[in-house]
Amino acid sequence: MKKALTLLALFLIIGIKMFGQDRITVSSKEDINELLTSKYLFPEFETSRVLLKNETIEAKMNYNALTGQMEYIDQSGKILVLKNKVQAIVLQGLFFKQSTKGYLEVIADGY
């Protein structure tokens, strides 16, 4: 019993360390986008293929890990959230599908 409690305590400590959240404090004068440089999956927006129902388009995209949304850069240089009904996105060789919980990376597809 003592061994089981020790193992449980060890797993709890490891879990807290692995999944704990860091706190970020931002003053009203700071730009939060500059502080959160690691919010994206890739360091830069990458040319990606977006598979819609009837067509495939290309766009400079990146995955926002904070919001769980795919973002793209429009022709004027603004960063916007992809809102179309998307069947899939190929970004840097990774395959993403839209679900009710956001975008999920498909690592295997069994038949």
PDB file of N, CA and C in Angstrom:
ATOM      1  N   MET A   1       0.826  -1.187   0.000  1.00  0.00           N
ATOM      2  CA  MET A   1       0.000   0.000   0.000  1.00  0.00           C
ATOM      3  C   MET A   1       0.871   1.251   0.000  1.00  0.00           C
ATOM      4  N   LYS A   2       1.938   1.209   0.810  1.00  0.00           N
ATOM      5  CA  LYS A   2       2.833   2.358   0.891  1.00  0.00           C
ATOM      6  C   LYS A   2       3.515   2.596  -0.454  1.00  0.00           C
ATOM      7  N   LYS A   3       3.868   1.497  -1.141  1.00  0.00           N
ATOM      8  CA  LYS A   3       4.508   1.599  -2.454  1.00  0.00           C
ATOM      9  C   LYS A   3       3.542   2.205  -3.478  1.00  0.00           C
ATOM     10  N   ALA A   4       2.280   1.813  -3.406  1.00  0.00           N
ATOM     11  CA  ALA A   4       1.268   2.330  -4.330  1.00  0.00           C
ATOM     12  C   ALA A   4       1.053   3.821  -4.109  1.00  0.00           C
ATOM     13  N   LEU A   5       1.016   4.262  -2.858  1.00  0.00           N
ATOM     14  CA  LEU A   5       0.850   5.687  -2.556  1.00  0.00           C
ATOM     15  C   LEU A   5       2.059   6.490  -3.027  1.00  0.00           C
ATOM     16  N   THR A   6       3.245   5.925  -2.886  1.00  0.00           N
ATOM     17  CA  THR A   6       4.454   6.602  -3.350  1.00  0.00           C
ATOM     18  C   THR A   6       4.426   6.768  -4.864  1.00  0.00           C
ATOM     19  N   LEU A   7       4.014   5.704  -5.574  1.00  0.00           N
ATOM     20  CA  LEU A   7       3.904   5.789  -7.031  1.00  0.00           C
ATOM     21  C   LEU A   7       2.849   6.804  -7.455  1.00  0.00           C
ATOM     22  N   LEU A   8       1.725   6.836  -6.764  1.00  0.00           N
ATOM     23  CA  LEU A   8       0.662   7.793  -7.069  1.00  0.00           C
ATOM     24  C   LEU A   8       1.168   9.221  -6.871  1.00  0.00           C
ATOM     25  N   ALA A   9       1.871   9.463  -5.789  1.00  0.00           N
ATOM     26  CA  ALA A   9       2.428  10.795  -5.528  1.00  0.00           C
ATOM     27  C   ALA A   9       3.431  11.178  -6.603  1.00  0.00           C
ATOM     28  N   LEU A  10       4.244  10.227  -7.022  1.00  0.00           N
ATOM     29  CA  LEU A  10       5.229  10.486  -8.069  1.00  0.00           C
ATOM     30  C   LEU A  10       4.546  10.853  -9.378  1.00  0.00           C
ATOM     31  N   PHE A  11       3.492  10.112  -9.758  1.00  0.00           N
ATOM     32  CA  PHE A  11       2.764  10.423 -10.978  1.00  0.00           C
ATOM     33  C   PHE A  11       2.088  11.791 -10.900  1.00  0.00           C
ATOM     34  N   LEU A  12       1.562  12.137  -9.735  1.00  0.00           N
ATOM     35  CA  LEU A  12       0.935  13.443  -9.575  1.00  0.00           C
ATOM     36  C   LEU A  12       1.952  14.570  -9.733  1.00  0.00           C
ATOM     37  N   ILE A  13       3.117  14.414  -9.153  1.00  0.00           N
ATOM     38  CA  ILE A  13       4.160  15.436  -9.258  1.00  0.00           C
ATOM     39  C   ILE A  13       4.619  15.584 -10.707  1.00  0.00           C
ATOM     40  N   ILE A  14       4.825  14.455 -11.395  1.00  0.00           N
ATOM     41  CA  ILE A  14       5.240  14.501 -12.794  1.00  0.00           C
ATOM     42  C   ILE A  14       4.140  15.147 -13.648  1.00  0.00           C
ATOM     43  N   GLY A  15       2.902  14.802 -13.392  1.00  0.00           N
ATOM     44  CA  GLY A  15       1.783  15.382 -14.137  1.00  0.00           C
ATOM     45  C   GLY A  15       1.676  16.878 -13.955  1.00  0.00           C
ATOM     46  N   ILE A  16       1.861  17.335 -12.748  1.00  0.00           N
ATOM     47  CA  ILE A  16       1.808  18.773 -12.478  1.00  0.00           C
ATOM     48  C   ILE A  16       2.939  19.484 -13.194  1.00  0.00           C
ATOM     49  N   LYS A  17       4.124  18.904 -13.169  1.00  0.00           N
ATOM     50  CA  LYS A  17       5.276  19.520 -13.839  1.00  0.00           C
ATOM     51  C   LYS A  17       5.081  19.536 -15.357  1.00  0.00           C
ATOM     52  N   MET A  18       4.546  18.457 -15.918  1.00  0.00           N
ATOM     53  CA  MET A  18       4.397  18.364 -17.369  1.00  0.00           C
ATOM     54  C   MET A  18       3.266  19.230 -17.891  1.00  0.00           C
ATOM     55  N   PHE A  19       2.171  19.309 -17.173  1.00  0.00           N
ATOM     56  CA  PHE A  19       0.989  19.984 -17.685  1.00  0.00           C
ATOM     57  C   PHE A  19       0.676  21.288 -16.964  1.00  0.00           C
ATOM     58  N   GLY A  20       1.570  21.745 -16.118  1.00  0.00           N
ATOM     59  CA  GLY A  20       1.367  23.012 -15.437  1.00  0.00           C
ATOM     60  C   GLY A  20       1.424  24.161 -16.420  1.00  0.00           C
ATOM     61  N   GLN A  21       0.762  25.244 -16.097  1.00  0.00           N
ATOM     62  CA  GLN A  21       0.725  26.384 -16.996  1.00  0.00           C
ATOM     63  C   GLN A  21       1.592  27.503 -16.446  1.00  0.00           C
ATOM     64  N   ASP A  22       2.315  28.153 -17.355  1.00  0.00           N
ATOM     65  CA  ASP A  22       3.080  29.317 -16.974  1.00  0.00           C
ATOM     66  C   ASP A  22       2.157  30.531 -17.004  1.00  0.00           C
ATOM     67  N   ARG A  23       2.373  31.438 -16.088  1.00  0.00           N
ATOM     68  CA  ARG A  23       1.569  32.644 -16.032  1.00  0.00           C
ATOM     69  C   ARG A  23       2.312  33.751 -16.763  1.00  0.00           C
ATOM     70  N   ILE A  24       1.602  34.456 -17.625  1.00  0.00           N
ATOM     71  CA  ILE A  24       2.168  35.583 -18.356  1.00  0.00           C
ATOM     72  C   ILE A  24       1.402  36.831 -17.951  1.00  0.00           C
ATOM     73  N   THR A  25       2.130  37.843 -17.498  1.00  0.00           N
ATOM     74  CA  THR A  25       1.510  39.103 -17.123  1.00  0.00           C
ATOM     75  C   THR A  25       1.812  40.129 -18.200  1.00  0.00           C
ATOM     76  N   VAL A  26       0.770  40.790 -18.689  1.00  0.00           N
ATOM     77  CA  VAL A  26       0.917  41.765 -19.761  1.00  0.00           C
ATOM     78  C   VAL A  26       0.330  43.087 -19.293  1.00  0.00           C
ATOM     79  N   SER A  27       1.118  44.160 -19.406  1.00  0.00           N
ATOM     80  CA  SER A  27       0.582  45.476 -19.053  1.00  0.00           C
ATOM     81  C   SER A  27      -0.252  45.997 -20.210  1.00  0.00           C
ATOM     82  N   SER A  28      -1.072  46.985 -19.949  1.00  0.00           N
ATOM     83  CA  SER A  28      -1.959  47.519 -20.989  1.00  0.00           C
ATOM     84  C   SER A  28      -1.187  48.230 -22.097  1.00  0.00           C
ATOM     85  N   LYS A  29       0.058  48.571 -21.862  1.00  0.00           N
ATOM     86  CA  LYS A  29       0.862  49.271 -22.871  1.00  0.00           C
ATOM     87  C   LYS A  29       1.634  48.310 -23.769  1.00  0.00           C
ATOM     88  N   GLU A  30       1.636  47.019 -23.451  1.00  0.00           N
ATOM     89  CA  GLU A  30       2.384  46.036 -24.230  1.00  0.00           C
ATOM     90  C   GLU A  30       1.497  45.392 -25.288  1.00  0.00           C
ATOM     91  N   ASP A  31       2.113  45.013 -26.395  1.00  0.00           N
ATOM     92  CA  ASP A  31       1.409  44.293 -27.456  1.00  0.00           C
ATOM     93  C   ASP A  31       1.498  42.806 -27.151  1.00  0.00           C
ATOM     94  N   ILE A  32       0.382  42.187 -26.864  1.00  0.00           N
ATOM     95  CA  ILE A  32       0.370  40.781 -26.464  1.00  0.00           C
ATOM     96  C   ILE A  32       0.879  39.873 -27.582  1.00  0.00           C
ATOM     97  N   ASN A  33       0.656  40.265 -28.852  1.00  0.00           N
ATOM     98  CA  ASN A  33       1.131  39.437 -29.967  1.00  0.00           C
ATOM     99  C   ASN A  33       2.645  39.351 -30.004  1.00  0.00           C
ATOM    100  N   GLU A  34       3.331  40.413 -29.610  1.00  0.00           N
ATOM    101  CA  GLU A  34       4.791  40.372 -29.588  1.00  0.00           C
ATOM    102  C   GLU A  34       5.302  39.501 -28.443  1.00  0.00           C
ATOM    103  N   LEU A  35       4.560  39.460 -27.337  1.00  0.00           N
ATOM    104  CA  LEU A  35       4.978  38.657 -26.191  1.00  0.00           C
ATOM    105  C   LEU A  35       4.754  37.168 -26.411  1.00  0.00           C
ATOM    106  N   LEU A  36       3.773  36.844 -27.177  1.00  0.00           N
ATOM    107  CA  LEU A  36       3.407  35.435 -27.381  1.00  0.00           C
ATOM    108  C   LEU A  36       3.939  34.928 -28.711  1.00  0.00           C
ATOM    109  N   THR A  37       5.233  35.032 -28.908  1.00  0.00           N
ATOM    110  CA  THR A  37       5.829  34.628 -30.174  1.00  0.00           C
ATOM    111  C   THR A  37       5.758  33.123 -30.401  1.00  0.00           C
ATOM    112  N   SER A  38       5.645  32.354 -29.357  1.00  0.00           N
ATOM    113  CA  SER A  38       5.616  30.903 -29.514  1.00  0.00           C
ATOM    114  C   SER A  38       4.206  30.344 -29.603  1.00  0.00           C
ATOM    115  N   LYS A  39       3.235  31.203 -29.898  1.00  0.00           N
ATOM    116  CA  LYS A  39       1.862  30.713 -29.982  1.00  0.00           C
ATOM    117  C   LYS A  39       1.593  29.929 -31.252  1.00  0.00           C
ATOM    118  N   TYR A  40       2.472  30.054 -32.244  1.00  0.00           N
ATOM    119  CA  TYR A  40       2.282  29.361 -33.514  1.00  0.00           C
ATOM    120  C   TYR A  40       3.072  28.070 -33.585  1.00  0.00           C
ATOM    121  N   LEU A  41       2.563  27.137 -34.360  1.00  0.00           N
ATOM    122  CA  LEU A  41       3.226  25.851 -34.550  1.00  0.00           C
ATOM    123  C   LEU A  41       4.552  26.028 -35.293  1.00  0.00           C
ATOM    124  N   PHE A  42       4.581  26.938 -36.278  1.00  0.00           N
ATOM    125  CA  PHE A  42       5.784  27.201 -37.054  1.00  0.00           C
ATOM    126  C   PHE A  42       6.256  28.632 -36.814  1.00  0.00           C
ATOM    127  N   PRO A  43       7.554  28.891 -36.956  1.00  0.00           N
ATOM    128  CA  PRO A  43       8.067  30.242 -36.701  1.00  0.00           C
ATOM    129  C   PRO A  43       7.572  31.278 -37.711  1.00  0.00           C
ATOM    130  N   GLU A  44       7.187  30.849 -38.907  1.00  0.00           N
ATOM    131  CA  GLU A  44       6.690  31.756 -39.934  1.00  0.00           C
ATOM    132  C   GLU A  44       5.440  31.168 -40.580  1.00  0.00           C
ATOM    133  N   PHE A  45       4.647  32.031 -41.210  1.00  0.00           N
ATOM    134  CA  PHE A  45       3.497  31.557 -41.971  1.00  0.00           C
ATOM    135  C   PHE A  45       4.019  30.883 -43.227  1.00  0.00           C
ATOM    136  N   GLU A  46       3.515  29.681 -43.504  1.00  0.00           N
ATOM    137  CA  GLU A  46       4.012  28.851 -44.592  1.00  0.00           C
ATOM    138  C   GLU A  46       2.941  28.683 -45.669  1.00  0.00           C
ATOM    139  N   THR A  47       3.365  28.583 -46.922  1.00  0.00           N
ATOM    140  CA  THR A  47       2.435  28.325 -48.013  1.00  0.00           C
ATOM    141  C   THR A  47       1.819  26.945 -47.802  1.00  0.00           C
ATOM    142  N   SER A  48       0.511  26.897 -47.818  1.00  0.00           N
ATOM    143  CA  SER A  48      -0.222  25.671 -47.504  1.00  0.00           C
ATOM    144  C   SER A  48      -1.318  25.441 -48.538  1.00  0.00           C
ATOM    145  N   ARG A  49      -1.752  24.199 -48.637  1.00  0.00           N
ATOM    146  CA  ARG A  49      -2.896  23.857 -49.484  1.00  0.00           C
ATOM    147  C   ARG A  49      -4.111  23.697 -48.599  1.00  0.00           C
ATOM    148  N   VAL A  50      -5.179  24.376 -48.974  1.00  0.00           N
ATOM    149  CA  VAL A  50      -6.441  24.311 -48.243  1.00  0.00           C
ATOM    150  C   VAL A  50      -7.444  23.609 -49.152  1.00  0.00           C
ATOM    151  N   LEU A  51      -7.926  22.452 -48.698  1.00  0.00           N
ATOM    152  CA  LEU A  51      -8.871  21.663 -49.490  1.00  0.00           C
ATOM    153  C   LEU A  51     -10.295  21.994 -49.054  1.00  0.00           C
ATOM    154  N   LEU A  52     -11.006  22.689 -49.929  1.00  0.00           N
ATOM    155  CA  LEU A  52     -12.411  23.007 -49.693  1.00  0.00           C
ATOM    156  C   LEU A  52     -13.259  21.952 -50.403  1.00  0.00           C
ATOM    157  N   LYS A  53     -14.571  22.084 -50.330  1.00  0.00           N
ATOM    158  CA  LYS A  53     -15.440  21.061 -50.914  1.00  0.00           C
ATOM    159  C   LYS A  53     -15.240  20.928 -52.426  1.00  0.00           C
ATOM    160  N   ASN A  54     -15.165  22.057 -53.137  1.00  0.00           N
ATOM    161  CA  ASN A  54     -15.099  22.006 -54.601  1.00  0.00           C
ATOM    162  C   ASN A  54     -13.807  22.553 -55.193  1.00  0.00           C
ATOM    163  N   GLU A  55     -12.853  22.948 -54.361  1.00  0.00           N
ATOM    164  CA  GLU A  55     -11.623  23.510 -54.895  1.00  0.00           C
ATOM    165  C   GLU A  55     -10.486  23.406 -53.880  1.00  0.00           C
ATOM    166  N   THR A  56      -9.293  23.608 -54.376  1.00  0.00           N
ATOM    167  CA  THR A  56      -8.099  23.645 -53.535  1.00  0.00           C
ATOM    168  C   THR A  56      -7.439  24.999 -53.755  1.00  0.00           C
ATOM    169  N   ILE A  57      -7.114  25.679 -52.663  1.00  0.00           N
ATOM    170  CA  ILE A  57      -6.468  26.985 -52.763  1.00  0.00           C
ATOM    171  C   ILE A  57      -5.160  26.953 -51.979  1.00  0.00           C
ATOM    172  N   GLU A  58      -4.297  27.920 -52.255  1.00  0.00           N
ATOM    173  CA  GLU A  58      -3.062  28.053 -51.499  1.00  0.00           C
ATOM    174  C   GLU A  58      -3.112  29.337 -50.697  1.00  0.00           C
ATOM    175  N   ALA A  59      -2.538  29.296 -49.500  1.00  0.00           N
ATOM    176  CA  ALA A  59      -2.497  30.474 -48.636  1.00  0.00           C
ATOM    177  C   ALA A  59      -1.325  30.346 -47.682  1.00  0.00           C
ATOM    178  N   LYS A  60      -0.812  31.477 -47.227  1.00  0.00           N
ATOM    179  CA  LYS A  60       0.227  31.490 -46.192  1.00  0.00           C
ATOM    180  C   LYS A  60      -0.491  31.287 -44.866  1.00  0.00           C
ATOM    181  N   MET A  61      -0.223  30.144 -44.199  1.00  0.00           N
ATOM    182  CA  MET A  61      -0.966  29.789 -42.996  1.00  0.00           C
ATOM    183  C   MET A  61      -0.045  29.377 -41.866  1.00  0.00           C
ATOM    184  N   ASN A  62      -0.633  29.365 -40.658  1.00  0.00           N
ATOM    185  CA  ASN A  62       0.034  28.843 -39.478  1.00  0.00           C
ATOM    186  C   ASN A  62      -1.050  28.440 -38.491  1.00  0.00           C
ATOM    187  N   TYR A  63      -0.737  27.498 -37.627  1.00  0.00           N
ATOM    188  CA  TYR A  63      -1.680  27.026 -36.609  1.00  0.00           C
ATOM    189  C   TYR A  63      -1.426  27.772 -35.315  1.00  0.00           C
ATOM    190  N   ASN A  64      -2.458  28.425 -34.785  1.00  0.00           N
ATOM    191  CA  ASN A  64      -2.363  29.153 -33.532  1.00  0.00           C
ATOM    192  C   ASN A  64      -2.674  28.182 -32.392  1.00  0.00           C
ATOM    193  N   ALA A  65      -1.653  27.826 -31.627  1.00  0.00           N
ATOM    194  CA  ALA A  65      -1.815  26.831 -30.561  1.00  0.00           C
ATOM    195  C   ALA A  65      -2.610  27.384 -29.373  1.00  0.00           C
ATOM    196  N   LEU A  66      -2.671  28.694 -29.216  1.00  0.00           N
ATOM    197  CA  LEU A  66      -3.440  29.264 -28.111  1.00  0.00           C
ATOM    198  C   LEU A  66      -4.938  29.213 -28.363  1.00  0.00           C
ATOM    199  N   THR A  67      -5.337  29.475 -29.613  1.00  0.00           N
ATOM    200  CA  THR A  67      -6.762  29.503 -29.930  1.00  0.00           C
ATOM    201  C   THR A  67      -7.256  28.222 -30.585  1.00  0.00           C
ATOM    202  N   GLY A  68      -6.320  27.392 -31.111  1.00  0.00           N
ATOM    203  CA  GLY A  68      -6.708  26.171 -31.801  1.00  0.00           C
ATOM    204  C   GLY A  68      -7.263  26.436 -33.193  1.00  0.00           C
ATOM    205  N   GLN A  69      -6.927  27.595 -33.772  1.00  0.00           N
ATOM    206  CA  GLN A  69      -7.458  27.962 -35.078  1.00  0.00           C
ATOM    207  C   GLN A  69      -6.342  28.081 -36.104  1.00  0.00           C
ATOM    208  N   MET A  70      -6.709  27.871 -37.362  1.00  0.00           N
ATOM    209  CA  MET A  70      -5.794  28.104 -38.462  1.00  0.00           C
ATOM    210  C   MET A  70      -5.915  29.576 -38.841  1.00  0.00           C
ATOM    211  N   GLU A  71      -4.773  30.220 -39.004  1.00  0.00           N
ATOM    212  CA  GLU A  71      -4.761  31.625 -39.374  1.00  0.00           C
ATOM    213  C   GLU A  71      -4.009  31.769 -40.693  1.00  0.00           C
ATOM    214  N   TYR A  72      -4.380  32.793 -41.465  1.00  0.00           N
ATOM    215  CA  TYR A  72      -3.726  33.039 -42.738  1.00  0.00           C
ATOM    216  C   TYR A  72      -3.467  34.531 -42.905  1.00  0.00           C
ATOM    217  N   ILE A  73      -2.560  34.836 -43.820  1.00  0.00           N
ATOM    218  CA  ILE A  73      -2.245  36.224 -44.130  1.00  0.00           C
ATOM    219  C   ILE A  73      -2.944  36.575 -45.435  1.00  0.00           C
ATOM    220  N   ASP A  74      -3.782  37.629 -45.402  1.00  0.00           N
ATOM    221  CA  ASP A  74      -4.473  38.030 -46.629  1.00  0.00           C
ATOM    222  C   ASP A  74      -3.571  38.903 -47.502  1.00  0.00           C
ATOM    223  N   GLN A  75      -4.091  39.374 -48.617  1.00  0.00           N
ATOM    224  CA  GLN A  75      -3.290  40.137 -49.573  1.00  0.00           C
ATOM    225  C   GLN A  75      -2.800  41.464 -49.009  1.00  0.00           C
ATOM    226  N   SER A  76      -3.490  42.014 -48.020  1.00  0.00           N
ATOM    227  CA  SER A  76      -3.068  43.285 -47.428  1.00  0.00           C
ATOM    228  C   SER A  76      -2.075  43.081 -46.283  1.00  0.00           C
ATOM    229  N   GLY A  77      -1.799  41.809 -45.934  1.00  0.00           N
ATOM    230  CA  GLY A  77      -0.841  41.515 -44.871  1.00  0.00           C
ATOM    231  C   GLY A  77      -1.461  41.327 -43.497  1.00  0.00           C
ATOM    232  N   LYS A  78      -2.781  41.369 -43.400  1.00  0.00           N
ATOM    233  CA  LYS A  78      -3.461  41.164 -42.123  1.00  0.00           C
ATOM    234  C   LYS A  78      -3.556  39.671 -41.810  1.00  0.00           C
ATOM    235  N   ILE A  79      -3.467  39.337 -40.529  1.00  0.00           N
ATOM    236  CA  ILE A  79      -3.626  37.951 -40.087  1.00  0.00           C
ATOM    237  C   ILE A  79      -5.094  37.735 -39.749  1.00  0.00           C
ATOM    238  N   LEU A  80      -5.697  36.763 -40.419  1.00  0.00           N
ATOM    239  CA  LEU A  80      -7.116  36.463 -40.234  1.00  0.00           C
ATOM    240  C   LEU A  80      -7.305  34.996 -39.878  1.00  0.00           C
ATOM    241  N   VAL A  81      -8.448  34.690 -39.269  1.00  0.00           N
ATOM    242  CA  VAL A  81      -8.787  33.319 -38.902  1.00  0.00           C
ATOM    243  C   VAL A  81      -9.533  32.671 -40.058  1.00  0.00           C
ATOM    244  N   LEU A  82      -9.147  31.465 -40.405  1.00  0.00           N
ATOM    245  CA  LEU A  82      -9.804  30.714 -41.467  1.00  0.00           C
ATOM    246  C   LEU A  82     -11.180  30.288 -40.970  1.00  0.00           C
ATOM    247  N   LYS A  83     -12.248  30.721 -41.660  1.00  0.00           N
ATOM    248  CA  LYS A  83     -13.605  30.424 -41.207  1.00  0.00           C
ATOM    249  C   LYS A  83     -14.406  29.583 -42.191  1.00  0.00           C
ATOM    250  N   ASN A  84     -13.854  29.339 -43.373  1.00  0.00           N
ATOM    251  CA  ASN A  84     -14.565  28.527 -44.366  1.00  0.00           C
ATOM    252  C   ASN A  84     -14.697  27.097 -43.887  1.00  0.00           C
ATOM    253  N   LYS A  85     -15.654  26.392 -44.479  1.00  0.00           N
ATOM    254  CA  LYS A  85     -15.772  24.953 -44.221  1.00  0.00           C
ATOM    255  C   LYS A  85     -14.629  24.267 -44.954  1.00  0.00           C
ATOM    256  N   VAL A  86     -13.681  23.775 -44.209  1.00  0.00           N
ATOM    257  CA  VAL A  86     -12.472  23.196 -44.760  1.00  0.00           C
ATOM    258  C   VAL A  86     -12.515  21.687 -44.590  1.00  0.00           C
ATOM    259  N   GLN A  87     -12.163  20.976 -45.649  1.00  0.00           N
ATOM    260  CA  GLN A  87     -12.096  19.516 -45.533  1.00  0.00           C
ATOM    261  C   GLN A  87     -10.757  19.087 -44.965  1.00  0.00           C
ATOM    262  N   ALA A  88      -9.682  19.760 -45.393  1.00  0.00           N
ATOM    263  CA  ALA A  88      -8.354  19.425 -44.886  1.00  0.00           C
ATOM    264  C   ALA A  88      -7.379  20.547 -45.231  1.00  0.00           C
ATOM    265  N   ILE A  89      -6.256  20.558 -44.521  1.00  0.00           N
ATOM    266  CA  ILE A  89      -5.183  21.517 -44.761  1.00  0.00           C
ATOM    267  C   ILE A  89      -3.868  20.750 -44.745  1.00  0.00           C
ATOM    268  N   VAL A  90      -3.046  21.015 -45.741  1.00  0.00           N
ATOM    269  CA  VAL A  90      -1.698  20.443 -45.775  1.00  0.00           C
ATOM    270  C   VAL A  90      -0.747  21.598 -45.502  1.00  0.00           C
ATOM    271  N   LEU A  91      -0.102  21.535 -44.345  1.00  0.00           N
ATOM    272  CA  LEU A  91       0.763  22.609 -43.874  1.00  0.00           C
ATOM    273  C   LEU A  91       2.107  22.013 -43.501  1.00  0.00           C
ATOM    274  N   GLN A  92       3.155  22.364 -44.269  1.00  0.00           N
ATOM    275  CA  GLN A  92       4.512  21.858 -44.021  1.00  0.00           C
ATOM    276  C   GLN A  92       4.550  20.327 -43.984  1.00  0.00           C
ATOM    277  N   GLY A  93       3.803  19.691 -44.860  1.00  0.00           N
ATOM    278  CA  GLY A  93       3.789  18.238 -44.924  1.00  0.00           C
ATOM    279  C   GLY A  93       2.917  17.576 -43.866  1.00  0.00           C
ATOM    280  N   LEU A  94       2.300  18.367 -42.999  1.00  0.00           N
ATOM    281  CA  LEU A  94       1.390  17.832 -41.983  1.00  0.00           C
ATOM    282  C   LEU A  94      -0.036  17.961 -42.491  1.00  0.00           C
ATOM    283  N   PHE A  95      -0.867  16.997 -42.148  1.00  0.00           N
ATOM    284  CA  PHE A  95      -2.240  16.929 -42.637  1.00  0.00           C
ATOM    285  C   PHE A  95      -3.190  17.229 -41.482  1.00  0.00           C
ATOM    286  N   PHE A  96      -3.998  18.279 -41.615  1.00  0.00           N
ATOM    287  CA  PHE A  96      -4.941  18.684 -40.571  1.00  0.00           C
ATOM    288  C   PHE A  96      -6.364  18.565 -41.083  1.00  0.00           C
ATOM    289  N   LYS A  97      -7.259  18.132 -40.202  1.00  0.00           N
ATOM    290  CA  LYS A  97      -8.684  18.098 -40.505  1.00  0.00           C
ATOM    291  C   LYS A  97      -9.415  18.920 -39.450  1.00  0.00           C
ATOM    292  N   GLN A  98     -10.483  19.569 -39.880  1.00  0.00           N
ATOM    293  CA  GLN A  98     -11.292  20.369 -38.971  1.00  0.00           C
ATOM    294  C   GLN A  98     -12.275  19.462 -38.252  1.00  0.00           C
ATOM    295  N   SER A  99     -12.405  19.674 -36.941  1.00  0.00           N
ATOM    296  CA  SER A  99     -13.379  18.909 -36.156  1.00  0.00           C
ATOM    297  C   SER A  99     -14.156  19.881 -35.290  1.00  0.00           C
ATOM    298  N   THR A 100     -15.065  19.361 -34.518  1.00  0.00           N
ATOM    299  CA  THR A 100     -15.832  20.218 -33.613  1.00  0.00           C
ATOM    300  C   THR A 100     -14.959  20.797 -32.501  1.00  0.00           C
ATOM    301  N   LYS A 101     -13.789  20.204 -32.273  1.00  0.00           N
ATOM    302  CA  LYS A 101     -12.873  20.670 -31.232  1.00  0.00           C
ATOM    303  C   LYS A 101     -11.734  21.513 -31.807  1.00  0.00           C
ATOM    304  N   GLY A 102     -11.806  21.872 -33.088  1.00  0.00           N
ATOM    305  CA  GLY A 102     -10.743  22.637 -33.715  1.00  0.00           C
ATOM    306  C   GLY A 102     -10.069  21.809 -34.780  1.00  0.00           C
ATOM    307  N   TYR A 103      -8.822  22.119 -35.066  1.00  0.00           N
ATOM    308  CA  TYR A 103      -8.064  21.390 -36.078  1.00  0.00           C
ATOM    309  C   TYR A 103      -7.230  20.308 -35.425  1.00  0.00           C
ATOM    310  N   LEU A 104      -7.294  19.124 -35.997  1.00  0.00           N
ATOM    311  CA  LEU A 104      -6.547  17.988 -35.486  1.00  0.00           C
ATOM    312  C   LEU A 104      -5.587  17.503 -36.560  1.00  0.00           C
ATOM    313  N   GLU A 105      -4.369  17.176 -36.158  1.00  0.00           N
ATOM    314  CA  GLU A 105      -3.402  16.627 -37.095  1.00  0.00           C
ATOM    315  C   GLU A 105      -3.699  15.136 -37.290  1.00  0.00           C
ATOM    316  N   VAL A 106      -3.798  14.733 -38.539  1.00  0.00           N
ATOM    317  CA  VAL A 106      -4.013  13.329 -38.866  1.00  0.00           C
ATOM    318  C   VAL A 106      -2.655  12.680 -39.034  1.00  0.00           C
ATOM    319  N   ILE A 107      -2.340  11.729 -38.174  1.00  0.00           N
ATOM    320  CA  ILE A 107      -1.048  11.053 -38.255  1.00  0.00           C
ATOM    321  C   ILE A 107      -1.174   9.654 -38.847  1.00  0.00           C
ATOM    322  N   ALA A 108      -2.377   9.112 -38.884  1.00  0.00           N
ATOM    323  CA  ALA A 108      -2.628   7.811 -39.500  1.00  0.00           C
ATOM    324  C   ALA A 108      -4.102   7.756 -39.866  1.00  0.00           C
ATOM    325  N   ASP A 109      -4.386   7.107 -40.961  1.00  0.00           N
ATOM    326  CA  ASP A 109      -5.768   6.978 -41.399  1.00  0.00           C
ATOM    327  C   ASP A 109      -5.993   5.536 -41.808  1.00  0.00           C
ATOM    328  N   GLY A 110      -6.701   4.793 -40.977  1.00  0.00           N
ATOM    329  CA  GLY A 110      -6.935   3.373 -41.249  1.00  0.00           C
ATOM    330  C   GLY A 110      -8.238   3.162 -41.984  1.00  0.00           C
ATOM    331  N   TYR A 111      -8.259   2.145 -42.784  1.00  0.00           N
ATOM    332  CA  TYR A 111      -9.476   1.819 -43.529  1.00  0.00           C
ATOM    333  C   TYR A 111     -10.136   0.619 -42.964  1.00  0.00           C
TER     334      TYR A 111
END
